Amino acid sequence: MDTELEKKIEQLEQQRDNAMRIRCPLVAKKYQRMIDKLAKESRNKSMDKAEHAKQ
């Protein structure tokens, strides 16, 4: 996984956890959606690299 994406995901996870502590589930869900999107991008990039390496 790209280190830049990893750092961004960690930051979003911290913000999500903080939102949960102060009982803001809607905000936490927003951060979770952002985390999921970045994780999906990261998986797609790694899959593309793997396919490109096979060729």
PDB file of N, CA and C in Angstrom:
ATOM      1  N   MET A   1       0.849  -1.168   0.000  1.00  0.00           N
ATOM      2  CA  MET A   1       0.000   0.000   0.000  1.00  0.00           C
ATOM      3  C   MET A   1       0.901   1.240   0.000  1.00  0.00           C
ATOM      4  N   ASP A   2       0.479   2.242  -0.659  1.00  0.00           N
ATOM      5  CA  ASP A   2       1.204   3.498  -0.735  1.00  0.00           C
ATOM      6  C   ASP A   2       1.287   4.139   0.655  1.00  0.00           C
ATOM      7  N   THR A   3       2.474   4.595   1.032  1.00  0.00           N
ATOM      8  CA  THR A   3       2.649   5.160   2.377  1.00  0.00           C
ATOM      9  C   THR A   3       1.822   6.428   2.574  1.00  0.00           C
ATOM     10  N   GLU A   4       1.654   7.192   1.511  1.00  0.00           N
ATOM     11  CA  GLU A   4       0.841   8.415   1.614  1.00  0.00           C
ATOM     12  C   GLU A   4      -0.607   8.059   1.920  1.00  0.00           C
ATOM     13  N   LEU A   5      -1.119   7.034   1.246  1.00  0.00           N
ATOM     14  CA  LEU A   5      -2.495   6.590   1.502  1.00  0.00           C
ATOM     15  C   LEU A   5      -2.624   6.019   2.913  1.00  0.00           C
ATOM     16  N   GLU A   6      -1.599   5.282   3.347  1.00  0.00           N
ATOM     17  CA  GLU A   6      -1.634   4.721   4.693  1.00  0.00           C
ATOM     18  C   GLU A   6      -1.729   5.812   5.740  1.00  0.00           C
ATOM     19  N   LYS A   7      -0.945   6.865   5.576  1.00  0.00           N
ATOM     20  CA  LYS A   7      -0.975   7.970   6.536  1.00  0.00           C
ATOM     21  C   LYS A   7      -2.335   8.652   6.534  1.00  0.00           C
ATOM     22  N   LYS A   8      -2.901   8.847   5.360  1.00  0.00           N
ATOM     23  CA  LYS A   8      -4.212   9.495   5.254  1.00  0.00           C
ATOM     24  C   LYS A   8      -5.289   8.631   5.914  1.00  0.00           C
ATOM     25  N   ILE A   9      -5.220   7.318   5.690  1.00  0.00           N
ATOM     26  CA  ILE A   9      -6.187   6.403   6.304  1.00  0.00           C
ATOM     27  C   ILE A   9      -6.056   6.433   7.825  1.00  0.00           C
ATOM     28  N   GLU A  10      -4.828   6.433   8.339  1.00  0.00           N
ATOM     29  CA  GLU A  10      -4.626   6.492   9.784  1.00  0.00           C
ATOM     30  C   GLU A  10      -5.209   7.773  10.364  1.00  0.00           C
ATOM     31  N   GLN A  11      -4.998   8.885   9.675  1.00  0.00           N
ATOM     32  CA  GLN A  11      -5.527  10.163  10.130  1.00  0.00           C
ATOM     33  C   GLN A  11      -7.062  10.125  10.166  1.00  0.00           C
ATOM     34  N   LEU A  12      -7.662   9.589   9.118  1.00  0.00           N
ATOM     35  CA  LEU A  12      -9.120   9.500   9.069  1.00  0.00           C
ATOM     36  C   LEU A  12      -9.659   8.573  10.153  1.00  0.00           C
ATOM     37  N   GLU A  13      -8.931   7.485  10.440  1.00  0.00           N
ATOM     38  CA  GLU A  13      -9.360   6.570  11.494  1.00  0.00           C
ATOM     39  C   GLU A  13      -9.348   7.266  12.845  1.00  0.00           C
ATOM     40  N   GLN A  14      -8.340   8.084  13.089  1.00  0.00           N
ATOM     41  CA  GLN A  14      -8.284   8.823  14.349  1.00  0.00           C
ATOM     42  C   GLN A  14      -9.453   9.802  14.455  1.00  0.00           C
ATOM     43  N   GLN A  15      -9.752  10.486  13.370  1.00  0.00           N
ATOM     44  CA  GLN A  15     -10.867  11.427  13.380  1.00  0.00           C
ATOM     45  C   GLN A  15     -12.189  10.703  13.579  1.00  0.00           C
ATOM     46  N   ARG A  16     -12.321   9.526  12.951  1.00  0.00           N
ATOM     47  CA  ARG A  16     -13.536   8.721  13.127  1.00  0.00           C
ATOM     48  C   ARG A  16     -13.689   8.294  14.581  1.00  0.00           C
ATOM     49  N   ASP A  17     -12.584   7.830  15.179  1.00  0.00           N
ATOM     50  CA  ASP A  17     -12.630   7.392  16.575  1.00  0.00           C
ATOM     51  C   ASP A  17     -12.985   8.546  17.508  1.00  0.00           C
ATOM     52  N   ASN A  18     -12.450   9.715  17.226  1.00  0.00           N
ATOM     53  CA  ASN A  18     -12.786  10.892  18.040  1.00  0.00           C
ATOM     54  C   ASN A  18     -14.269  11.219  17.919  1.00  0.00           C
ATOM     55  N   ALA A  19     -14.807  11.121  16.722  1.00  0.00           N
ATOM     56  CA  ALA A  19     -16.233  11.395  16.527  1.00  0.00           C
ATOM     57  C   ALA A  19     -17.086  10.397  17.309  1.00  0.00           C
ATOM     58  N   MET A  20     -16.653   9.156  17.359  1.00  0.00           N
ATOM     59  CA  MET A  20     -17.410   8.151  18.108  1.00  0.00           C
ATOM     60  C   MET A  20     -17.362   8.447  19.602  1.00  0.00           C
ATOM     61  N   ARG A  21     -16.213   8.934  20.081  1.00  0.00           N
ATOM     62  CA  ARG A  21     -16.090   9.238  21.507  1.00  0.00           C
ATOM     63  C   ARG A  21     -17.027  10.357  21.925  1.00  0.00           C
ATOM     64  N   ILE A  22     -17.227  11.312  21.030  1.00  0.00           N
ATOM     65  CA  ILE A  22     -18.115  12.427  21.385  1.00  0.00           C
ATOM     66  C   ILE A  22     -19.540  12.182  20.878  1.00  0.00           C
ATOM     67  N   ARG A  23     -19.805  10.943  20.527  1.00  0.00           N
ATOM     68  CA  ARG A  23     -21.156  10.493  20.156  1.00  0.00           C
ATOM     69  C   ARG A  23     -21.721  11.206  18.932  1.00  0.00           C
ATOM     70  N   CYS A  24     -20.936  11.206  17.885  1.00  0.00           N
ATOM     71  CA  CYS A  24     -21.382  11.762  16.603  1.00  0.00           C
ATOM     72  C   CYS A  24     -21.325  10.650  15.543  1.00  0.00           C
ATOM     73  N   PRO A  25     -22.294   9.754  15.552  1.00  0.00           N
ATOM     74  CA  PRO A  25     -22.231   8.618  14.634  1.00  0.00           C
ATOM     75  C   PRO A  25     -22.297   9.015  13.159  1.00  0.00           C
ATOM     76  N   LEU A  26     -22.991  10.078  12.826  1.00  0.00           N
ATOM     77  CA  LEU A  26     -23.075  10.487  11.421  1.00  0.00           C
ATOM     78  C   LEU A  26     -21.719  10.963  10.910  1.00  0.00           C
ATOM     79  N   VAL A  27     -20.998  11.691  11.754  1.00  0.00           N
ATOM     80  CA  VAL A  27     -19.668  12.160  11.378  1.00  0.00           C
ATOM     81  C   VAL A  27     -18.728  10.958  11.268  1.00  0.00           C
ATOM     82  N   ALA A  28     -18.842  10.027  12.195  1.00  0.00           N
ATOM     83  CA  ALA A  28     -18.010   8.824  12.156  1.00  0.00           C
ATOM     84  C   ALA A  28     -18.267   8.032  10.869  1.00  0.00           C
ATOM     85  N   LYS A  29     -19.521   7.944  10.463  1.00  0.00           N
ATOM     86  CA  LYS A  29     -19.850   7.238   9.219  1.00  0.00           C
ATOM     87  C   LYS A  29     -19.237   7.937   8.014  1.00  0.00           C
ATOM     88  N   LYS A  30     -19.210   9.277   8.051  1.00  0.00           N
ATOM     89  CA  LYS A  30     -18.602  10.035   6.955  1.00  0.00           C
ATOM     90  C   LYS A  30     -17.124   9.687   6.841  1.00  0.00           C
ATOM     91  N   TYR A  31     -16.432   9.663   7.980  1.00  0.00           N
ATOM     92  CA  TYR A  31     -15.016   9.309   7.960  1.00  0.00           C
ATOM     93  C   TYR A  31     -14.815   7.870   7.506  1.00  0.00           C
ATOM     94  N   GLN A  32     -15.699   6.965   7.910  1.00  0.00           N
ATOM     95  CA  GLN A  32     -15.583   5.568   7.498  1.00  0.00           C
ATOM     96  C   GLN A  32     -15.744   5.435   5.989  1.00  0.00           C
ATOM     97  N   ARG A  33     -16.664   6.200   5.405  1.00  0.00           N
ATOM     98  CA  ARG A  33     -16.832   6.165   3.952  1.00  0.00           C
ATOM     99  C   ARG A  33     -15.558   6.645   3.252  1.00  0.00           C
ATOM    100  N   MET A  34     -14.942   7.686   3.808  1.00  0.00           N
ATOM    101  CA  MET A  34     -13.701   8.202   3.237  1.00  0.00           C
ATOM    102  C   MET A  34     -12.591   7.159   3.342  1.00  0.00           C
ATOM    103  N   ILE A  35     -12.512   6.466   4.473  1.00  0.00           N
ATOM    104  CA  ILE A  35     -11.521   5.407   4.676  1.00  0.00           C
ATOM    105  C   ILE A  35     -11.745   4.292   3.669  1.00  0.00           C
ATOM    106  N   ASP A  36     -12.989   3.872   3.507  1.00  0.00           N
ATOM    107  CA  ASP A  36     -13.316   2.803   2.561  1.00  0.00           C
ATOM    108  C   ASP A  36     -12.929   3.185   1.140  1.00  0.00           C
ATOM    109  N   LYS A  37     -13.175   4.429   0.770  1.00  0.00           N
ATOM    110  CA  LYS A  37     -12.839   4.899  -0.573  1.00  0.00           C
ATOM    111  C   LYS A  37     -11.327   4.846  -0.799  1.00  0.00           C
ATOM    112  N   LEU A  38     -10.548   5.326   0.169  1.00  0.00           N
ATOM    113  CA  LEU A  38      -9.094   5.302   0.035  1.00  0.00           C
ATOM    114  C   LEU A  38      -8.560   3.875   0.003  1.00  0.00           C
ATOM    115  N   ALA A  39      -9.133   3.004   0.819  1.00  0.00           N
ATOM    116  CA  ALA A  39      -8.703   1.610   0.831  1.00  0.00           C
ATOM    117  C   ALA A  39      -8.998   0.948  -0.512  1.00  0.00           C
ATOM    118  N   LYS A  40     -10.139   1.273  -1.099  1.00  0.00           N
ATOM    119  CA  LYS A  40     -10.498   0.719  -2.401  1.00  0.00           C
ATOM    120  C   LYS A  40      -9.517   1.200  -3.472  1.00  0.00           C
ATOM    121  N   GLU A  41      -9.177   2.494  -3.438  1.00  0.00           N
ATOM    122  CA  GLU A  41      -8.201   3.032  -4.380  1.00  0.00           C
ATOM    123  C   GLU A  41      -6.865   2.314  -4.241  1.00  0.00           C
ATOM    124  N   SER A  42      -6.457   2.090  -3.021  1.00  0.00           N
ATOM    125  CA  SER A  42      -5.189   1.431  -2.762  1.00  0.00           C
ATOM    126  C   SER A  42      -5.195   0.000  -3.308  1.00  0.00           C
ATOM    127  N   ARG A  43      -6.297  -0.715  -3.068  1.00  0.00           N
ATOM    128  CA  ARG A  43      -6.406  -2.089  -3.592  1.00  0.00           C
ATOM    129  C   ARG A  43      -6.360  -2.090  -5.111  1.00  0.00           C
ATOM    130  N   ASN A  44      -7.058  -1.134  -5.725  1.00  0.00           N
ATOM    131  CA  ASN A  44      -7.069  -1.060  -7.190  1.00  0.00           C
ATOM    132  C   ASN A  44      -5.671  -0.794  -7.730  1.00  0.00           C
ATOM    133  N   LYS A  45      -4.930   0.092  -7.075  1.00  0.00           N
ATOM    134  CA  LYS A  45      -3.570   0.385  -7.517  1.00  0.00           C
ATOM    135  C   LYS A  45      -2.689  -0.843  -7.407  1.00  0.00           C
ATOM    136  N   SER A  46      -2.809  -1.580  -6.293  1.00  0.00           N
ATOM    137  CA  SER A  46      -1.974  -2.760  -6.122  1.00  0.00           C
ATOM    138  C   SER A  46      -2.357  -3.858  -7.119  1.00  0.00           C
ATOM    139  N   MET A  47      -3.640  -3.976  -7.437  1.00  0.00           N
ATOM    140  CA  MET A  47      -4.072  -4.958  -8.425  1.00  0.00           C
ATOM    141  C   MET A  47      -3.566  -4.582  -9.808  1.00  0.00           C
ATOM    142  N   ASP A  48      -3.609  -3.291 -10.125  1.00  0.00           N
ATOM    143  CA  ASP A  48      -3.102  -2.839 -11.414  1.00  0.00           C
ATOM    144  C   ASP A  48      -1.610  -3.117 -11.543  1.00  0.00           C
ATOM    145  N   LYS A  49      -0.862  -2.906 -10.475  1.00  0.00           N
ATOM    146  CA  LYS A  49       0.573  -3.181 -10.498  1.00  0.00           C
ATOM    147  C   LYS A  49       0.822  -4.660 -10.710  1.00  0.00           C
ATOM    148  N   ALA A  50       0.023  -5.508 -10.034  1.00  0.00           N
ATOM    149  CA  ALA A  50       0.190  -6.944 -10.158  1.00  0.00           C
ATOM    150  C   ALA A  50      -0.121  -7.407 -11.578  1.00  0.00           C
ATOM    151  N   GLU A  51      -1.184  -6.874 -12.172  1.00  0.00           N
ATOM    152  CA  GLU A  51      -1.532  -7.251 -13.544  1.00  0.00           C
ATOM    153  C   GLU A  51      -0.469  -6.783 -14.517  1.00  0.00           C
ATOM    154  N   HIS A  52       0.030  -5.587 -14.297  1.00  0.00           N
ATOM    155  CA  HIS A  52       1.046  -5.025 -15.189  1.00  0.00           C
ATOM    156  C   HIS A  52       2.354  -5.823 -15.082  1.00  0.00           C
ATOM    157  N   ALA A  53       2.670  -6.308 -13.898  1.00  0.00           N
ATOM    158  CA  ALA A  53       3.884  -7.094 -13.696  1.00  0.00           C
ATOM    159  C   ALA A  53       3.794  -8.446 -14.398  1.00  0.00           C
ATOM    160  N   LYS A  54       2.588  -9.014 -14.504  1.00  0.00           N
ATOM    161  CA  LYS A  54       2.406 -10.294 -15.169  1.00  0.00           C
ATOM    162  C   LYS A  54       2.636 -10.204 -16.659  1.00  0.00           C
ATOM    163  N   GLN A  55       2.340  -9.061 -17.236  1.00  0.00           N
ATOM    164  CA  GLN A  55       2.424  -8.920 -18.687  1.00  0.00           C
ATOM    165  C   GLN A  55       3.806  -8.692 -19.142  1.00  0.00           C
TER     166      GLN A  55
END
